[in-house]
Amino acid sequence: MHRRMNNDDIQNPLDEKIAEIGQVLAHPIRLQILRLLAKGELCGCEIVPEFELDQSGISRHLAALKRAGLISSRRDGVRIYWRLADWRVAKLLLLAEEIAQLS
């Protein structure tokens, strides 16, 4: 006989963070930015021309990705360079693409 699961059985202390990451990943431009950064570190000046958005629009997307812990940055003079925060972010992106192909 199976017992019913209660909230303690299914709650995870990381649920809020996982939901935040899901919300950030829900925007196609952010996915495209991650795909670019999966190839290696890029200056913001190299990212902007890839999109039909202005600098401030791309900056908002980069900030959201950074807040979620998916990317990190470093400053070199006046330039800011962006990269994936961890190699597993690229793995997450690939896994999401594989799952999307299932449906």
PDB file of N, CA and C in Angstrom:
ATOM      1  N   MET A   1       0.845  -1.172   0.000  1.00  0.00           N
ATOM      2  CA  MET A   1       0.000   0.000   0.000  1.00  0.00           C
ATOM      3  C   MET A   1       0.896   1.244   0.000  1.00  0.00           C
ATOM      4  N   HIS A   2       0.536   2.221  -0.788  1.00  0.00           N
ATOM      5  CA  HIS A   2       1.292   3.465  -0.872  1.00  0.00           C
ATOM      6  C   HIS A   2       0.704   4.499   0.067  1.00  0.00           C
ATOM      7  N   ARG A   3       1.575   5.227   0.721  1.00  0.00           N
ATOM      8  CA  ARG A   3       1.084   6.325   1.554  1.00  0.00           C
ATOM      9  C   ARG A   3       1.124   7.598   0.736  1.00  0.00           C
ATOM     10  N   ARG A   4       0.270   8.524   1.085  1.00  0.00           N
ATOM     11  CA  ARG A   4       0.258   9.820   0.400  1.00  0.00           C
ATOM     12  C   ARG A   4       1.473  10.621   0.812  1.00  0.00           C
ATOM     13  N   MET A   5       2.004  11.361  -0.143  1.00  0.00           N
ATOM     14  CA  MET A   5       3.139  12.235   0.157  1.00  0.00           C
ATOM     15  C   MET A   5       2.607  13.533   0.748  1.00  0.00           C
ATOM     16  N   ASN A   6       3.316  14.046   1.727  1.00  0.00           N
ATOM     17  CA  ASN A   6       2.947  15.360   2.246  1.00  0.00           C
ATOM     18  C   ASN A   6       3.986  16.372   1.785  1.00  0.00           C
ATOM     19  N   ASN A   7       3.763  17.628   2.128  1.00  0.00           N
ATOM     20  CA  ASN A   7       4.665  18.693   1.677  1.00  0.00           C
ATOM     21  C   ASN A   7       6.104  18.461   2.109  1.00  0.00           C
ATOM     22  N   ASP A   8       6.310  17.879   3.276  1.00  0.00           N
ATOM     23  CA  ASP A   8       7.677  17.632   3.739  1.00  0.00           C
ATOM     24  C   ASP A   8       8.413  16.650   2.830  1.00  0.00           C
ATOM     25  N   ASP A   9       7.651  15.760   2.188  1.00  0.00           N
ATOM     26  CA  ASP A   9       8.260  14.779   1.291  1.00  0.00           C
ATOM     27  C   ASP A   9       8.707  15.393  -0.034  1.00  0.00           C
ATOM     28  N   ILE A  10       8.041  16.448  -0.457  1.00  0.00           N
ATOM     29  CA  ILE A  10       8.324  16.993  -1.785  1.00  0.00           C
ATOM     30  C   ILE A  10       8.993  18.356  -1.769  1.00  0.00           C
ATOM     31  N   GLN A  11       9.009  19.017  -0.639  1.00  0.00           N
ATOM     32  CA  GLN A  11       9.646  20.330  -0.581  1.00  0.00           C
ATOM     33  C   GLN A  11      11.157  20.193  -0.578  1.00  0.00           C
ATOM     34  N   ASN A  12      11.785  21.130  -1.234  1.00  0.00           N
ATOM     35  CA  ASN A  12      13.235  21.182  -1.301  1.00  0.00           C
ATOM     36  C   ASN A  12      13.628  22.614  -0.974  1.00  0.00           C
ATOM     37  N   PRO A  13      14.614  22.822  -0.131  1.00  0.00           N
ATOM     38  CA  PRO A  13      15.003  24.194   0.207  1.00  0.00           C
ATOM     39  C   PRO A  13      15.474  25.002  -1.003  1.00  0.00           C
ATOM     40  N   LEU A  14      15.793  24.329  -2.089  1.00  0.00           N
ATOM     41  CA  LEU A  14      16.250  25.028  -3.294  1.00  0.00           C
ATOM     42  C   LEU A  14      15.117  25.364  -4.261  1.00  0.00           C
ATOM     43  N   ASP A  15      13.867  25.027  -3.912  1.00  0.00           N
ATOM     44  CA  ASP A  15      12.748  25.249  -4.826  1.00  0.00           C
ATOM     45  C   ASP A  15      12.644  26.697  -5.296  1.00  0.00           C
ATOM     46  N   GLU A  16      12.807  27.647  -4.400  1.00  0.00           N
ATOM     47  CA  GLU A  16      12.710  29.067  -4.776  1.00  0.00           C
ATOM     48  C   GLU A  16      13.793  29.437  -5.784  1.00  0.00           C
ATOM     49  N   LYS A  17      15.004  28.994  -5.549  1.00  0.00           N
ATOM     50  CA  LYS A  17      16.117  29.300  -6.452  1.00  0.00           C
ATOM     51  C   LYS A  17      15.915  28.627  -7.810  1.00  0.00           C
ATOM     52  N   ILE A  18      15.450  27.390  -7.795  1.00  0.00           N
ATOM     53  CA  ILE A  18      15.190  26.681  -9.047  1.00  0.00           C
ATOM     54  C   ILE A  18      14.099  27.396  -9.837  1.00  0.00           C
ATOM     55  N   ALA A  19      13.057  27.861  -9.149  1.00  0.00           N
ATOM     56  CA  ALA A  19      11.983  28.604  -9.818  1.00  0.00           C
ATOM     57  C   ALA A  19      12.511  29.904 -10.410  1.00  0.00           C
ATOM     58  N   GLU A  20      13.399  30.585  -9.689  1.00  0.00           N
ATOM     59  CA  GLU A  20      14.003  31.822 -10.199  1.00  0.00           C
ATOM     60  C   GLU A  20      14.803  31.542 -11.470  1.00  0.00           C
ATOM     61  N   ILE A  21      15.585  30.481 -11.459  1.00  0.00           N
ATOM     62  CA  ILE A  21      16.362  30.109 -12.643  1.00  0.00           C
ATOM     63  C   ILE A  21      15.424  29.795 -13.807  1.00  0.00           C
ATOM     64  N   GLY A  22      14.332  29.089 -13.514  1.00  0.00           N
ATOM     65  CA  GLY A  22      13.351  28.780 -14.555  1.00  0.00           C
ATOM     66  C   GLY A  22      12.753  30.027 -15.176  1.00  0.00           C
ATOM     67  N   GLN A  23      12.443  31.016 -14.345  1.00  0.00           N
ATOM     68  CA  GLN A  23      11.895  32.273 -14.864  1.00  0.00           C
ATOM     69  C   GLN A  23      12.906  32.986 -15.750  1.00  0.00           C
ATOM     70  N   VAL A  24      14.148  32.993 -15.338  1.00  0.00           N
ATOM     71  CA  VAL A  24      15.187  33.658 -16.130  1.00  0.00           C
ATOM     72  C   VAL A  24      15.378  32.939 -17.464  1.00  0.00           C
ATOM     73  N   LEU A  25      15.338  31.625 -17.446  1.00  0.00           N
ATOM     74  CA  LEU A  25      15.525  30.849 -18.671  1.00  0.00           C
ATOM     75  C   LEU A  25      14.316  30.917 -19.604  1.00  0.00           C
ATOM     76  N   ALA A  26      13.211  31.463 -19.125  1.00  0.00           N
ATOM     77  CA  ALA A  26      11.980  31.503 -19.916  1.00  0.00           C
ATOM     78  C   ALA A  26      11.999  32.557 -21.021  1.00  0.00           C
ATOM     79  N   HIS A  27      13.076  33.309 -21.157  1.00  0.00           N
ATOM     80  CA  HIS A  27      13.155  34.340 -22.199  1.00  0.00           C
ATOM     81  C   HIS A  27      14.117  33.890 -23.300  1.00  0.00           C
ATOM     82  N   PRO A  28      13.653  33.846 -24.559  1.00  0.00           N
ATOM     83  CA  PRO A  28      14.506  33.364 -25.659  1.00  0.00           C
ATOM     84  C   PRO A  28      15.826  34.126 -25.811  1.00  0.00           C
ATOM     85  N   ILE A  29      15.827  35.424 -25.594  1.00  0.00           N
ATOM     86  CA  ILE A  29      17.081  36.180 -25.738  1.00  0.00           C
ATOM     87  C   ILE A  29      18.092  35.736 -24.688  1.00  0.00           C
ATOM     88  N   ARG A  30      17.633  35.449 -23.491  1.00  0.00           N
ATOM     89  CA  ARG A  30      18.556  34.991 -22.444  1.00  0.00           C
ATOM     90  C   ARG A  30      19.140  33.631 -22.802  1.00  0.00           C
ATOM     91  N   LEU A  31      18.330  32.776 -23.388  1.00  0.00           N
ATOM     92  CA  LEU A  31      18.847  31.481 -23.840  1.00  0.00           C
ATOM     93  C   LEU A  31      19.902  31.680 -24.923  1.00  0.00           C
ATOM     94  N   GLN A  32      19.657  32.619 -25.815  1.00  0.00           N
ATOM     95  CA  GLN A  32      20.617  32.895 -26.885  1.00  0.00           C
ATOM     96  C   GLN A  32      21.914  33.469 -26.327  1.00  0.00           C
ATOM     97  N   ILE A  33      21.799  34.320 -25.317  1.00  0.00           N
ATOM     98  CA  ILE A  33      23.003  34.864 -24.669  1.00  0.00           C
ATOM     99  C   ILE A  33      23.800  33.728 -24.031  1.00  0.00           C
ATOM    100  N   LEU A  34      23.115  32.832 -23.339  1.00  0.00           N
ATOM    101  CA  LEU A  34      23.809  31.698 -22.723  1.00  0.00           C
ATOM    102  C   LEU A  34      24.497  30.843 -23.780  1.00  0.00           C
ATOM    103  N   ARG A  35      23.827  30.651 -24.914  1.00  0.00           N
ATOM    104  CA  ARG A  35      24.418  29.856 -25.993  1.00  0.00           C
ATOM    105  C   ARG A  35      25.695  30.515 -26.512  1.00  0.00           C
ATOM    106  N   LEU A  36      25.677  31.843 -26.635  1.00  0.00           N
ATOM    107  CA  LEU A  36      26.887  32.570 -27.046  1.00  0.00           C
ATOM    108  C   LEU A  36      28.000  32.383 -26.026  1.00  0.00           C
ATOM    109  N   LEU A  37      27.661  32.541 -24.748  1.00  0.00           N
ATOM    110  CA  LEU A  37      28.670  32.464 -23.697  1.00  0.00           C
ATOM    111  C   LEU A  37      29.172  31.038 -23.483  1.00  0.00           C
ATOM    112  N   ALA A  38      28.396  30.059 -23.921  1.00  0.00           N
ATOM    113  CA  ALA A  38      28.852  28.668 -23.820  1.00  0.00           C
ATOM    114  C   ALA A  38      30.075  28.438 -24.706  1.00  0.00           C
ATOM    115  N   LYS A  39      30.269  29.312 -25.698  1.00  0.00           N
ATOM    116  CA  LYS A  39      31.432  29.211 -26.584  1.00  0.00           C
ATOM    117  C   LYS A  39      32.665  29.860 -25.975  1.00  0.00           C
ATOM    118  N   GLY A  40      32.456  30.682 -24.936  1.00  0.00           N
ATOM    119  CA  GLY A  40      33.584  31.332 -24.280  1.00  0.00           C
ATOM    120  C   GLY A  40      33.237  32.735 -23.816  1.00  0.00           C
ATOM    121  N   GLU A  41      34.136  33.295 -23.056  1.00  0.00           N
ATOM    122  CA  GLU A  41      33.963  34.633 -22.501  1.00  0.00           C
ATOM    123  C   GLU A  41      33.852  35.678 -23.615  1.00  0.00           C
ATOM    124  N   LEU A  42      32.934  36.633 -23.419  1.00  0.00           N
ATOM    125  CA  LEU A  42      32.744  37.704 -24.396  1.00  0.00           C
ATOM    126  C   LEU A  42      32.592  39.044 -23.698  1.00  0.00           C
ATOM    127  N   CYS A  43      33.091  40.071 -24.347  1.00  0.00           N
ATOM    128  CA  CYS A  43      32.877  41.440 -23.898  1.00  0.00           C
ATOM    129  C   CYS A  43      31.425  41.812 -24.228  1.00  0.00           C
ATOM    130  N   GLY A  44      30.827  42.648 -23.404  1.00  0.00           N
ATOM    131  CA  GLY A  44      29.484  43.126 -23.706  1.00  0.00           C
ATOM    132  C   GLY A  44      29.406  43.733 -25.094  1.00  0.00           C
ATOM    133  N   CYS A  45      30.484  44.380 -25.516  1.00  0.00           N
ATOM    134  CA  CYS A  45      30.532  45.004 -26.848  1.00  0.00           C
ATOM    135  C   CYS A  45      30.480  43.967 -27.966  1.00  0.00           C
ATOM    136  N   GLU A  46      30.771  42.705 -27.654  1.00  0.00           N
ATOM    137  CA  GLU A  46      30.682  41.628 -28.640  1.00  0.00           C
ATOM    138  C   GLU A  46      29.307  40.961 -28.619  1.00  0.00           C
ATOM    139  N   ILE A  47      28.602  41.108 -27.513  1.00  0.00           N
ATOM    140  CA  ILE A  47      27.285  40.486 -27.371  1.00  0.00           C
ATOM    141  C   ILE A  47      26.208  41.342 -28.034  1.00  0.00           C
ATOM    142  N   VAL A  48      26.244  42.646 -27.801  1.00  0.00           N
ATOM    143  CA  VAL A  48      25.192  43.551 -28.283  1.00  0.00           C
ATOM    144  C   VAL A  48      24.937  43.425 -29.786  1.00  0.00           C
ATOM    145  N   PRO A  49      25.966  43.406 -30.643  1.00  0.00           N
ATOM    146  CA  PRO A  49      25.702  43.342 -32.092  1.00  0.00           C
ATOM    147  C   PRO A  49      25.000  42.064 -32.556  1.00  0.00           C
ATOM    148  N   GLU A  50      24.979  41.046 -31.716  1.00  0.00           N
ATOM    149  CA  GLU A  50      24.337  39.782 -32.078  1.00  0.00           C
ATOM    150  C   GLU A  50      22.813  39.855 -32.002  1.00  0.00           C
ATOM    151  N   PHE A  51      22.293  40.931 -31.419  1.00  0.00           N
ATOM    152  CA  PHE A  51      20.857  41.047 -31.170  1.00  0.00           C
ATOM    153  C   PHE A  51      20.309  42.357 -31.716  1.00  0.00           C
ATOM    154  N   GLU A  52      19.013  42.377 -31.911  1.00  0.00           N
ATOM    155  CA  GLU A  52      18.353  43.600 -32.358  1.00  0.00           C
ATOM    156  C   GLU A  52      17.844  44.387 -31.155  1.00  0.00           C
ATOM    157  N   LEU A  53      18.680  44.512 -30.159  1.00  0.00           N
ATOM    158  CA  LEU A  53      18.375  45.281 -28.952  1.00  0.00           C
ATOM    159  C   LEU A  53      19.504  46.262 -28.721  1.00  0.00           C
ATOM    160  N   ASP A  54      19.186  47.331 -28.009  1.00  0.00           N
ATOM    161  CA  ASP A  54      20.242  48.287 -27.680  1.00  0.00           C
ATOM    162  C   ASP A  54      21.035  47.802 -26.467  1.00  0.00           C
ATOM    163  N   GLN A  55      22.073  48.530 -26.152  1.00  0.00           N
ATOM    164  CA  GLN A  55      22.962  48.188 -25.036  1.00  0.00           C
ATOM    165  C   GLN A  55      22.186  48.008 -23.734  1.00  0.00           C
ATOM    166  N   SER A  56      21.239  48.917 -23.457  1.00  0.00           N
ATOM    167  CA  SER A  56      20.514  48.834 -22.184  1.00  0.00           C
ATOM    168  C   SER A  56      19.627  47.595 -22.130  1.00  0.00           C
ATOM    169  N   GLY A  57      19.049  47.206 -23.260  1.00  0.00           N
ATOM    170  CA  GLY A  57      18.228  45.995 -23.284  1.00  0.00           C
ATOM    171  C   GLY A  57      19.052  44.753 -22.999  1.00  0.00           C
ATOM    172  N   ILE A  58      20.206  44.658 -23.632  1.00  0.00           N
ATOM    173  CA  ILE A  58      21.096  43.518 -23.387  1.00  0.00           C
ATOM    174  C   ILE A  58      21.599  43.543 -21.949  1.00  0.00           C
ATOM    175  N   SER A  59      21.900  44.729 -21.444  1.00  0.00           N
ATOM    176  CA  SER A  59      22.378  44.850 -20.058  1.00  0.00           C
ATOM    177  C   SER A  59      21.346  44.327 -19.067  1.00  0.00           C
ATOM    178  N   ARG A  60      20.069  44.588 -19.319  1.00  0.00           N
ATOM    179  CA  ARG A  60      19.014  44.079 -18.427  1.00  0.00           C
ATOM    180  C   ARG A  60      18.990  42.552 -18.441  1.00  0.00           C
ATOM    181  N   HIS A  61      19.137  41.964 -19.629  1.00  0.00           N
ATOM    182  CA  HIS A  61      19.149  40.500 -19.717  1.00  0.00           C
ATOM    183  C   HIS A  61      20.385  39.919 -19.031  1.00  0.00           C
ATOM    184  N   LEU A  62      21.530  40.541 -19.228  1.00  0.00           N
ATOM    185  CA  LEU A  62      22.756  40.080 -18.567  1.00  0.00           C
ATOM    186  C   LEU A  62      22.616  40.176 -17.050  1.00  0.00           C
ATOM    187  N   ALA A  63      22.016  41.261 -16.569  1.00  0.00           N
ATOM    188  CA  ALA A  63      21.827  41.436 -15.121  1.00  0.00           C
ATOM    189  C   ALA A  63      20.923  40.345 -14.558  1.00  0.00           C
ATOM    190  N   ALA A  64      19.859  40.001 -15.276  1.00  0.00           N
ATOM    191  CA  ALA A  64      18.953  38.943 -14.811  1.00  0.00           C
ATOM    192  C   ALA A  64      19.677  37.599 -14.755  1.00  0.00           C
ATOM    193  N   LEU A  65      20.474  37.311 -15.767  1.00  0.00           N
ATOM    194  CA  LEU A  65      21.241  36.062 -15.778  1.00  0.00           C
ATOM    195  C   LEU A  65      22.261  36.026 -14.643  1.00  0.00           C
ATOM    196  N   LYS A  66      22.856  37.171 -14.364  1.00  0.00           N
ATOM    197  CA  LYS A  66      23.844  37.242 -13.280  1.00  0.00           C
ATOM    198  C   LYS A  66      23.169  37.078 -11.917  1.00  0.00           C
ATOM    199  N   ARG A  67      22.020  37.743 -11.715  1.00  0.00           N
ATOM    200  CA  ARG A  67      21.287  37.608 -10.441  1.00  0.00           C
ATOM    201  C   ARG A  67      20.907  36.159 -10.175  1.00  0.00           C
ATOM    202  N   ALA A  68      20.587  35.433 -11.233  1.00  0.00           N
ATOM    203  CA  ALA A  68      20.201  34.023 -11.088  1.00  0.00           C
ATOM    204  C   ALA A  68      21.409  33.116 -10.887  1.00  0.00           C
ATOM    205  N   GLY A  69      22.608  33.679 -11.002  1.00  0.00           N
ATOM    206  CA  GLY A  69      23.819  32.893 -10.789  1.00  0.00           C
ATOM    207  C   GLY A  69      24.256  32.083 -11.997  1.00  0.00           C
ATOM    208  N   LEU A  70      23.697  32.406 -13.173  1.00  0.00           N
ATOM    209  CA  LEU A  70      24.025  31.645 -14.372  1.00  0.00           C
ATOM    210  C   LEU A  70      25.264  32.164 -15.089  1.00  0.00           C
ATOM    211  N   ILE A  71      25.555  33.454 -14.940  1.00  0.00           N
ATOM    212  CA  ILE A  71      26.743  34.041 -15.560  1.00  0.00           C
ATOM    213  C   ILE A  71      27.488  34.879 -14.528  1.00  0.00           C
ATOM    214  N   SER A  72      28.725  35.176 -14.831  1.00  0.00           N
ATOM    215  CA  SER A  72      29.528  36.068 -13.990  1.00  0.00           C
ATOM    216  C   SER A  72      30.252  37.038 -14.912  1.00  0.00           C
ATOM    217  N   SER A  73      30.850  38.051 -14.302  1.00  0.00           N
ATOM    218  CA  SER A  73      31.520  39.070 -15.111  1.00  0.00           C
ATOM    219  C   SER A  73      32.821  39.491 -14.456  1.00  0.00           C
ATOM    220  N   ARG A  74      33.650  40.120 -15.269  1.00  0.00           N
ATOM    221  CA  ARG A  74      34.871  40.740 -14.763  1.00  0.00           C
ATOM    222  C   ARG A  74      35.093  42.009 -15.562  1.00  0.00           C
ATOM    223  N   ARG A  75      35.675  42.986 -14.921  1.00  0.00           N
ATOM    224  CA  ARG A  75      35.954  44.264 -15.569  1.00  0.00           C
ATOM    225  C   ARG A  75      37.422  44.317 -15.960  1.00  0.00           C
ATOM    226  N   ASP A  76      37.668  44.824 -17.150  1.00  0.00           N
ATOM    227  CA  ASP A  76      39.030  45.068 -17.626  1.00  0.00           C
ATOM    228  C   ASP A  76      39.024  46.470 -18.227  1.00  0.00           C
ATOM    229  N   GLY A  77      39.451  47.432 -17.439  1.00  0.00           N
ATOM    230  CA  GLY A  77      39.367  48.829 -17.869  1.00  0.00           C
ATOM    231  C   GLY A  77      37.912  49.246 -17.956  1.00  0.00           C
ATOM    232  N   VAL A  78      37.496  49.710 -19.117  1.00  0.00           N
ATOM    233  CA  VAL A  78      36.106  50.136 -19.284  1.00  0.00           C
ATOM    234  C   VAL A  78      35.218  49.001 -19.789  1.00  0.00           C
ATOM    235  N   ARG A  79      35.809  47.884 -20.149  1.00  0.00           N
ATOM    236  CA  ARG A  79      35.039  46.768 -20.705  1.00  0.00           C
ATOM    237  C   ARG A  79      34.645  45.768 -19.620  1.00  0.00           C
ATOM    238  N   ILE A  80      33.473  45.193 -19.816  1.00  0.00           N
ATOM    239  CA  ILE A  80      33.000  44.129 -18.931  1.00  0.00           C
ATOM    240  C   ILE A  80      32.925  42.849 -19.760  1.00  0.00           C
ATOM    241  N   TYR A  81      33.542  41.808 -19.239  1.00  0.00           N
ATOM    242  CA  TYR A  81      33.555  40.509 -19.906  1.00  0.00           C
ATOM    243  C   TYR A  81      32.627  39.561 -19.158  1.00  0.00           C
ATOM    244  N   TRP A  82      31.851  38.813 -19.921  1.00  0.00           N
ATOM    245  CA  TRP A  82      30.848  37.902 -19.373  1.00  0.00           C
ATOM    246  C   TRP A  82      31.204  36.469 -19.717  1.00  0.00           C
ATOM    247  N   ARG A  83      30.874  35.569 -18.799  1.00  0.00           N
ATOM    248  CA  ARG A  83      31.114  34.145 -19.023  1.00  0.00           C
ATOM    249  C   ARG A  83      30.085  33.352 -18.216  1.00  0.00           C
ATOM    250  N   LEU A  84      29.927  32.094 -18.569  1.00  0.00           N
ATOM    251  CA  LEU A  84      29.058  31.226 -17.781  1.00  0.00           C
ATOM    252  C   LEU A  84      29.655  31.092 -16.389  1.00  0.00           C
ATOM    253  N   ALA A  85      28.804  31.071 -15.387  1.00  0.00           N
ATOM    254  CA  ALA A  85      29.286  30.970 -14.012  1.00  0.00           C
ATOM    255  C   ALA A  85      29.880  29.592 -13.731  1.00  0.00           C
ATOM    256  N   ASP A  86      29.443  28.592 -14.478  1.00  0.00           N
ATOM    257  CA  ASP A  86      29.889  27.223 -14.247  1.00  0.00           C
ATOM    258  C   ASP A  86      29.639  26.426 -15.524  1.00  0.00           C
ATOM    259  N   TRP A  87      30.442  25.426 -15.794  1.00  0.00           N
ATOM    260  CA  TRP A  87      30.277  24.600 -16.988  1.00  0.00           C
ATOM    261  C   TRP A  87      28.929  23.897 -17.010  1.00  0.00           C
ATOM    262  N   ARG A  88      28.335  23.685 -15.829  1.00  0.00           N
ATOM    263  CA  ARG A  88      27.044  22.991 -15.762  1.00  0.00           C
ATOM    264  C   ARG A  88      25.902  23.820 -16.335  1.00  0.00           C
ATOM    265  N   VAL A  89      26.103  25.143 -16.459  1.00  0.00           N
ATOM    266  CA  VAL A  89      25.083  25.978 -17.103  1.00  0.00           C
ATOM    267  C   VAL A  89      24.955  25.568 -18.570  1.00  0.00           C
ATOM    268  N   ALA A  90      26.070  25.329 -19.237  1.00  0.00           N
ATOM    269  CA  ALA A  90      26.032  24.864 -20.630  1.00  0.00           C
ATOM    270  C   ALA A  90      25.365  23.493 -20.707  1.00  0.00           C
ATOM    271  N   LYS A  91      25.644  22.651 -19.734  1.00  0.00           N
ATOM    272  CA  LYS A  91      25.034  21.323 -19.689  1.00  0.00           C
ATOM    273  C   LYS A  91      23.519  21.438 -19.495  1.00  0.00           C
ATOM    274  N   LEU A  92      23.089  22.367 -18.630  1.00  0.00           N
ATOM    275  CA  LEU A  92      21.664  22.611 -18.405  1.00  0.00           C
ATOM    276  C   LEU A  92      20.991  23.063 -19.697  1.00  0.00           C
ATOM    277  N   LEU A  93      21.647  23.948 -20.427  1.00  0.00           N
ATOM    278  CA  LEU A  93      21.107  24.442 -21.691  1.00  0.00           C
ATOM    279  C   LEU A  93      20.954  23.298 -22.699  1.00  0.00           C
ATOM    280  N   LEU A  94      21.965  22.454 -22.804  1.00  0.00           N
ATOM    281  CA  LEU A  94      21.892  21.303 -23.714  1.00  0.00           C
ATOM    282  C   LEU A  94      20.779  20.338 -23.315  1.00  0.00           C
ATOM    283  N   LEU A  95      20.640  20.105 -22.021  1.00  0.00           N
ATOM    284  CA  LEU A  95      19.592  19.216 -21.532  1.00  0.00           C
ATOM    285  C   LEU A  95      18.209  19.789 -21.840  1.00  0.00           C
ATOM    286  N   ALA A  96      18.035  21.095 -21.637  1.00  0.00           N
ATOM    287  CA  ALA A  96      16.758  21.742 -21.946  1.00  0.00           C
ATOM    288  C   ALA A  96      16.436  21.619 -23.434  1.00  0.00           C
ATOM    289  N   GLU A  97      17.451  21.765 -24.285  1.00  0.00           N
ATOM    290  CA  GLU A  97      17.245  21.624 -25.729  1.00  0.00           C
ATOM    291  C   GLU A  97      16.828  20.198 -26.079  1.00  0.00           C
ATOM    292  N   GLU A  98      17.449  19.218 -25.435  1.00  0.00           N
ATOM    293  CA  GLU A  98      17.090  17.820 -25.686  1.00  0.00           C
ATOM    294  C   GLU A  98      15.661  17.534 -25.249  1.00  0.00           C
ATOM    295  N   ILE A  99      15.267  18.058 -24.093  1.00  0.00           N
ATOM    296  CA  ILE A  99      13.904  17.856 -23.599  1.00  0.00           C
ATOM    297  C   ILE A  99      12.903  18.538 -24.525  1.00  0.00           C
ATOM    298  N   ALA A 100      13.236  19.739 -25.007  1.00  0.00           N
ATOM    299  CA  ALA A 100      12.342  20.464 -25.916  1.00  0.00           C
ATOM    300  C   ALA A 100      12.110  19.680 -27.203  1.00  0.00           C
ATOM    301  N   GLN A 101      13.097  18.923 -27.634  1.00  0.00           N
ATOM    302  CA  GLN A 101      12.958  18.138 -28.863  1.00  0.00           C
ATOM    303  C   GLN A 101      12.053  16.923 -28.670  1.00  0.00           C
ATOM    304  N   LEU A 102      11.815  16.527 -27.425  1.00  0.00           N
ATOM    305  CA  LEU A 102      10.955  15.381 -27.152  1.00  0.00           C
ATOM    306  C   LEU A 102       9.491  15.689 -27.427  1.00  0.00           C
ATOM    307  N   SER A 103       9.122  16.951 -27.275  1.00  0.00           N
ATOM    308  CA  SER A 103       7.699  17.296 -27.419  1.00  0.00           C
ATOM    309  C   SER A 103       7.358  17.823 -28.788  1.00  0.00           C
TER     310      SER A 103
END
